[in-house]
Amino acid sequence: MIALRLAGCVALFGFSAAAISAGRAAEAALTRPGQLTVTAVAGELSVRAGDNVNPAKADDRVRVDSRLLTGRRSLATLAFSNGTILELGPDSEMEVEELLQAPFATALQPAEWKVEPSVSRTRLRLVRGEARVTVKRLLSARGSVLAIVTAAGVASVDEGSLRVQVRMTELGIGLCVVELTRGAGGVFEPAGGVPRALNAGQRTQWSVETDSATRAFRVTELK
């Protein structure tokens, strides 16, 4: 398992008690960005921000609206300031669409966290490849959300480990696989469909076809 380097999050997110109280009062707004840091790279990882594409290495920060791209036979691990760990597999592309977190202060190190230290909202888009998120228990009752958007729909989890795969051809035909390998609070909402709960160990697969005229996706569950 790739070692994690999250110790700097506490110092960077330290606040006084008054600041924390103010943060709780503004939780619904969640205007403060969270942090996403590269912790390890085996092979190649690039970050695309606008028209710029740069190689990334351990300890680099990733901004919102950036795209993460891994090379063939590559693996990248990144850490969120709420304790979530993201692993990107080979030949993968993921966009960081939203990353917000309320201020927090704690004497515990991230490895000791059982639950995220403050409310957060994270939205990622997996364009292709494979991603796995390992999530500390989110404060979902207070509004925390972690979602991964795919061509087939949106997957989310409150706690545990969620694996998502997306394989698409140039013709817009593909396959999406979502699996809650452990944990609770997993949900998958297929495009144009009804959200369904995911139990630990449950795997669901979906075919995706792209309408050539409208570019809309037609999604079908594979039994």
Protein backbone atom coordinates (compact mmCIF):
# COMPACT_ATOMS: atom_id res chain seq x y z
CA MET A 1 0.00 0.00 0.00
CA ILE A 2 1.33 3.40 -0.91
CA ALA A 3 2.27 5.40 2.19
CA LEU A 4 0.16 8.45 2.94
CA ARG A 5 1.51 11.89 3.69
CA LEU A 6 -1.23 13.93 5.30
CA ALA A 7 0.47 15.34 8.38
CA GLY A 8 0.56 18.88 6.98
CA CYS A 9 -3.23 19.15 6.73
CA VAL A 10 -3.76 19.87 10.43
CA ALA A 11 -1.28 22.74 10.54
CA LEU A 12 -2.63 24.24 7.33
CA PHE A 13 -6.22 24.02 8.54
CA GLY A 14 -5.67 25.09 12.16
CA PHE A 15 -8.13 27.68 13.46
CA SER A 16 -9.14 29.23 16.75
CA ALA A 17 -12.34 28.16 18.50
CA ALA A 18 -13.98 31.39 17.35
CA ALA A 19 -13.07 30.67 13.75
CA ILE A 20 -14.50 27.17 14.00
CA SER A 21 -17.77 28.52 15.41
CA ALA A 22 -17.96 30.97 12.54
CA GLY A 23 -17.25 28.13 10.13
CA ARG A 24 -20.10 26.05 11.54
CA ALA A 25 -22.47 28.96 11.14
CA ALA A 26 -21.53 29.16 7.46
CA GLU A 27 -21.46 25.41 6.76
CA ALA A 28 -24.38 25.61 4.38
CA ALA A 29 -22.47 28.05 2.17
CA LEU A 30 -19.13 26.19 2.24
CA THR A 31 -17.11 28.80 0.39
CA ARG A 32 -13.62 27.82 1.62
CA PRO A 33 -11.70 25.45 -0.68
CA GLY A 34 -10.43 22.18 0.67
CA GLN A 35 -7.04 20.76 -0.23
CA LEU A 36 -5.98 17.93 -2.53
CA THR A 37 -2.36 16.84 -2.42
CA VAL A 38 -0.44 14.27 -4.45
CA THR A 39 1.08 11.77 -2.01
CA ALA A 40 2.71 9.26 -4.36
CA VAL A 41 3.19 8.58 -8.07
CA ALA A 42 4.33 5.34 -9.68
CA GLY A 43 4.84 6.06 -13.36
CA GLU A 44 3.36 9.25 -14.80
CA LEU A 45 0.83 11.75 -13.46
CA SER A 46 0.01 15.03 -15.20
CA VAL A 47 -2.24 17.89 -14.12
CA ARG A 48 -4.10 19.91 -16.76
CA ALA A 49 -5.22 23.39 -15.69
CA GLY A 50 -6.69 25.35 -18.57
CA ASP A 51 -4.31 25.02 -21.50
CA ASN A 52 -1.37 24.05 -19.30
CA VAL A 53 -0.36 20.43 -18.71
CA ASN A 54 2.41 19.78 -16.19
CA PRO A 55 3.89 16.64 -14.65
CA ALA A 56 2.98 16.14 -10.97
CA LYS A 57 4.97 14.64 -8.14
CA ALA A 58 4.49 13.87 -4.46
CA ASP A 59 3.56 16.90 -2.29
CA ASP A 60 2.16 18.89 -5.24
CA ARG A 61 -1.20 20.60 -4.66
CA VAL A 62 -4.06 20.17 -7.14
CA ARG A 63 -6.51 23.00 -7.78
CA VAL A 64 -10.22 22.78 -8.38
CA ASP A 65 -11.11 22.58 -12.12
CA SER A 66 -7.88 20.70 -12.80
CA ARG A 67 -7.74 17.37 -14.61
CA LEU A 68 -5.61 14.48 -13.42
CA LEU A 69 -4.16 12.19 -16.09
CA THR A 70 -2.16 9.03 -15.46
CA GLY A 71 0.04 7.28 -17.99
CA ARG A 72 0.01 3.63 -18.98
CA ARG A 73 1.18 1.32 -16.18
CA SER A 74 0.91 4.22 -13.76
CA LEU A 75 -0.70 4.66 -10.36
CA ALA A 76 -1.24 7.90 -8.45
CA THR A 77 -2.41 8.44 -4.88
CA LEU A 78 -3.82 11.73 -3.61
CA ALA A 79 -5.06 12.87 -0.20
CA PHE A 80 -7.96 15.21 0.56
CA SER A 81 -7.99 17.48 3.60
CA ASN A 82 -11.08 15.63 4.93
CA GLY A 83 -9.11 12.37 5.16
CA THR A 84 -10.30 10.80 1.91
CA ILE A 85 -7.72 8.96 -0.18
CA LEU A 86 -7.98 8.81 -3.97
CA GLU A 87 -6.16 6.19 -6.05
CA LEU A 88 -6.08 6.59 -9.83
CA GLY A 89 -5.25 3.59 -11.98
CA PRO A 90 -3.44 3.40 -15.31
CA ASP A 91 -4.55 5.53 -18.29
CA SER A 92 -7.13 7.41 -16.23
CA GLU A 93 -8.53 10.93 -16.46
CA MET A 94 -10.39 12.65 -13.65
CA GLU A 95 -11.60 16.23 -13.21
CA VAL A 96 -11.83 17.91 -9.81
CA GLU A 97 -15.13 19.76 -10.26
CA GLU A 98 -15.75 20.85 -6.66
CA LEU A 99 -13.74 20.74 -3.44
CA LEU A 100 -14.96 22.73 -0.42
CA GLN A 101 -14.46 22.29 3.32
CA ALA A 102 -15.34 24.18 6.49
CA PRO A 103 -12.46 25.28 8.79
CA PHE A 104 -11.32 22.80 11.44
CA ALA A 105 -8.70 22.26 14.13
CA THR A 106 -7.68 18.97 15.72
CA ALA A 107 -4.68 17.62 17.61
CA LEU A 108 -5.11 14.21 15.96
CA GLN A 109 -3.12 13.15 12.94
CA PRO A 110 -5.16 12.23 9.82
CA ALA A 111 -4.34 8.52 10.25
CA GLU A 112 -6.14 8.67 13.61
CA TRP A 113 -9.32 10.23 12.26
CA LYS A 114 -12.43 8.04 12.42
CA VAL A 115 -14.59 10.75 10.90
CA GLU A 116 -13.81 13.79 8.76
CA PRO A 117 -12.91 16.84 10.90
CA SER A 118 -15.41 19.26 9.31
CA VAL A 119 -18.18 19.40 6.73
CA SER A 120 -16.98 19.06 3.15
CA ARG A 121 -18.33 18.80 -0.38
CA THR A 122 -16.40 17.00 -3.09
CA ARG A 123 -17.41 16.32 -6.68
CA LEU A 124 -15.12 14.45 -9.05
CA ARG A 125 -15.70 13.43 -12.68
CA LEU A 126 -14.11 10.21 -13.91
CA VAL A 127 -13.82 10.60 -17.68
CA ARG A 128 -12.02 7.31 -18.23
CA GLY A 129 -10.00 4.73 -16.37
CA GLU A 130 -10.32 3.54 -12.80
CA ALA A 131 -10.55 5.34 -9.46
CA ARG A 132 -10.89 4.16 -5.91
CA VAL A 133 -11.80 6.44 -3.00
CA THR A 134 -11.33 5.42 0.63
CA VAL A 135 -13.51 7.68 2.74
CA LYS A 136 -13.46 8.50 6.45
CA ARG A 137 -17.00 8.72 7.79
CA LEU A 138 -18.50 11.87 6.30
CA LEU A 139 -20.69 14.29 8.26
CA SER A 140 -23.51 13.58 5.84
CA ALA A 141 -26.22 14.59 8.31
CA ARG A 142 -24.68 18.08 8.26
CA GLY A 143 -24.37 18.23 4.49
CA SER A 144 -21.11 16.48 3.57
CA VAL A 145 -21.08 14.82 0.15
CA LEU A 146 -18.48 12.95 -1.90
CA ALA A 147 -19.62 12.11 -5.42
CA ILE A 148 -17.98 10.67 -8.52
CA VAL A 149 -19.68 11.58 -11.79
CA THR A 150 -19.49 9.20 -14.77
CA ALA A 151 -21.12 8.94 -18.17
CA ALA A 152 -23.51 6.36 -16.68
CA GLY A 153 -24.49 8.32 -13.56
CA VAL A 154 -23.30 9.54 -10.18
CA ALA A 155 -21.80 7.35 -7.44
CA SER A 156 -21.46 8.51 -3.84
CA VAL A 157 -20.42 7.04 -0.49
CA ASP A 158 -20.57 8.16 3.15
CA GLU A 159 -17.88 5.84 4.52
CA GLY A 160 -15.69 3.04 3.22
CA SER A 161 -14.16 2.21 -0.14
CA LEU A 162 -15.78 2.84 -3.53
CA ARG A 163 -14.32 1.69 -6.85
CA VAL A 164 -15.42 3.15 -10.19
CA GLN A 165 -14.35 2.16 -13.71
CA VAL A 166 -15.15 3.90 -16.99
CA ARG A 167 -14.17 2.52 -20.41
CA MET A 168 -15.31 4.52 -23.44
CA THR A 169 -14.50 4.16 -27.15
CA GLU A 170 -14.06 7.03 -29.59
CA LEU A 171 -17.55 6.22 -30.89
CA GLY A 172 -19.09 7.03 -27.52
CA ILE A 173 -19.84 3.44 -26.54
CA GLY A 174 -18.63 2.20 -23.21
CA LEU A 175 -18.98 0.46 -19.88
CA CYS A 176 -19.20 1.80 -16.34
CA VAL A 177 -18.67 -0.36 -13.25
CA VAL A 178 -19.41 0.81 -9.70
CA GLU A 179 -18.56 -1.28 -6.64
CA LEU A 180 -18.80 -0.52 -2.93
CA THR A 181 -16.03 -2.84 -1.73
CA ARG A 182 -16.66 -2.01 1.93
CA GLY A 183 -18.49 0.54 4.04
CA ALA A 184 -21.94 2.10 4.12
CA GLY A 185 -24.01 4.86 2.57
CA GLY A 186 -23.20 3.93 -1.01
CA VAL A 187 -25.59 5.21 -3.69
CA PHE A 188 -25.59 5.08 -7.48
CA GLU A 189 -27.93 7.30 -9.47
CA PRO A 190 -27.99 6.22 -13.13
CA ALA A 191 -28.40 8.98 -15.70
CA GLY A 192 -32.12 9.58 -16.08
CA GLY A 193 -32.92 6.88 -13.53
CA VAL A 194 -33.79 6.35 -9.87
CA PRO A 195 -31.05 6.37 -7.19
CA ARG A 196 -30.32 2.98 -5.66
CA ALA A 197 -28.46 2.02 -2.51
CA LEU A 198 -25.24 0.04 -2.75
CA ASN A 199 -24.43 -2.51 -0.05
CA ALA A 200 -20.89 -3.52 0.88
CA GLY A 201 -19.59 -5.98 -1.69
CA GLN A 202 -22.22 -4.98 -4.26
CA ARG A 203 -21.18 -4.34 -7.86
CA THR A 204 -23.29 -2.81 -10.63
CA GLN A 205 -22.45 -2.50 -14.35
CA TRP A 206 -23.89 -0.20 -16.98
CA SER A 207 -23.51 0.10 -20.75
CA VAL A 208 -23.31 3.60 -22.22
CA GLU A 209 -24.20 4.70 -25.76
CA THR A 210 -23.82 8.29 -26.96
CA ASP A 211 -26.39 9.77 -29.31
CA SER A 212 -24.41 11.15 -32.25
CA ALA A 213 -26.80 14.08 -32.77
CA THR A 214 -27.54 15.25 -29.21
CA ARG A 215 -24.45 13.79 -27.47
CA ALA A 216 -26.81 12.55 -24.73
CA PHE A 217 -26.02 9.25 -23.03
CA ARG A 218 -28.31 6.21 -23.15
CA VAL A 219 -27.61 4.04 -20.12
CA THR A 220 -28.62 0.41 -19.62
CA GLU A 221 -27.93 -1.83 -16.63
CA LEU A 222 -26.17 -5.10 -17.38
CA LYS A 223 -27.49 -8.03 -15.34
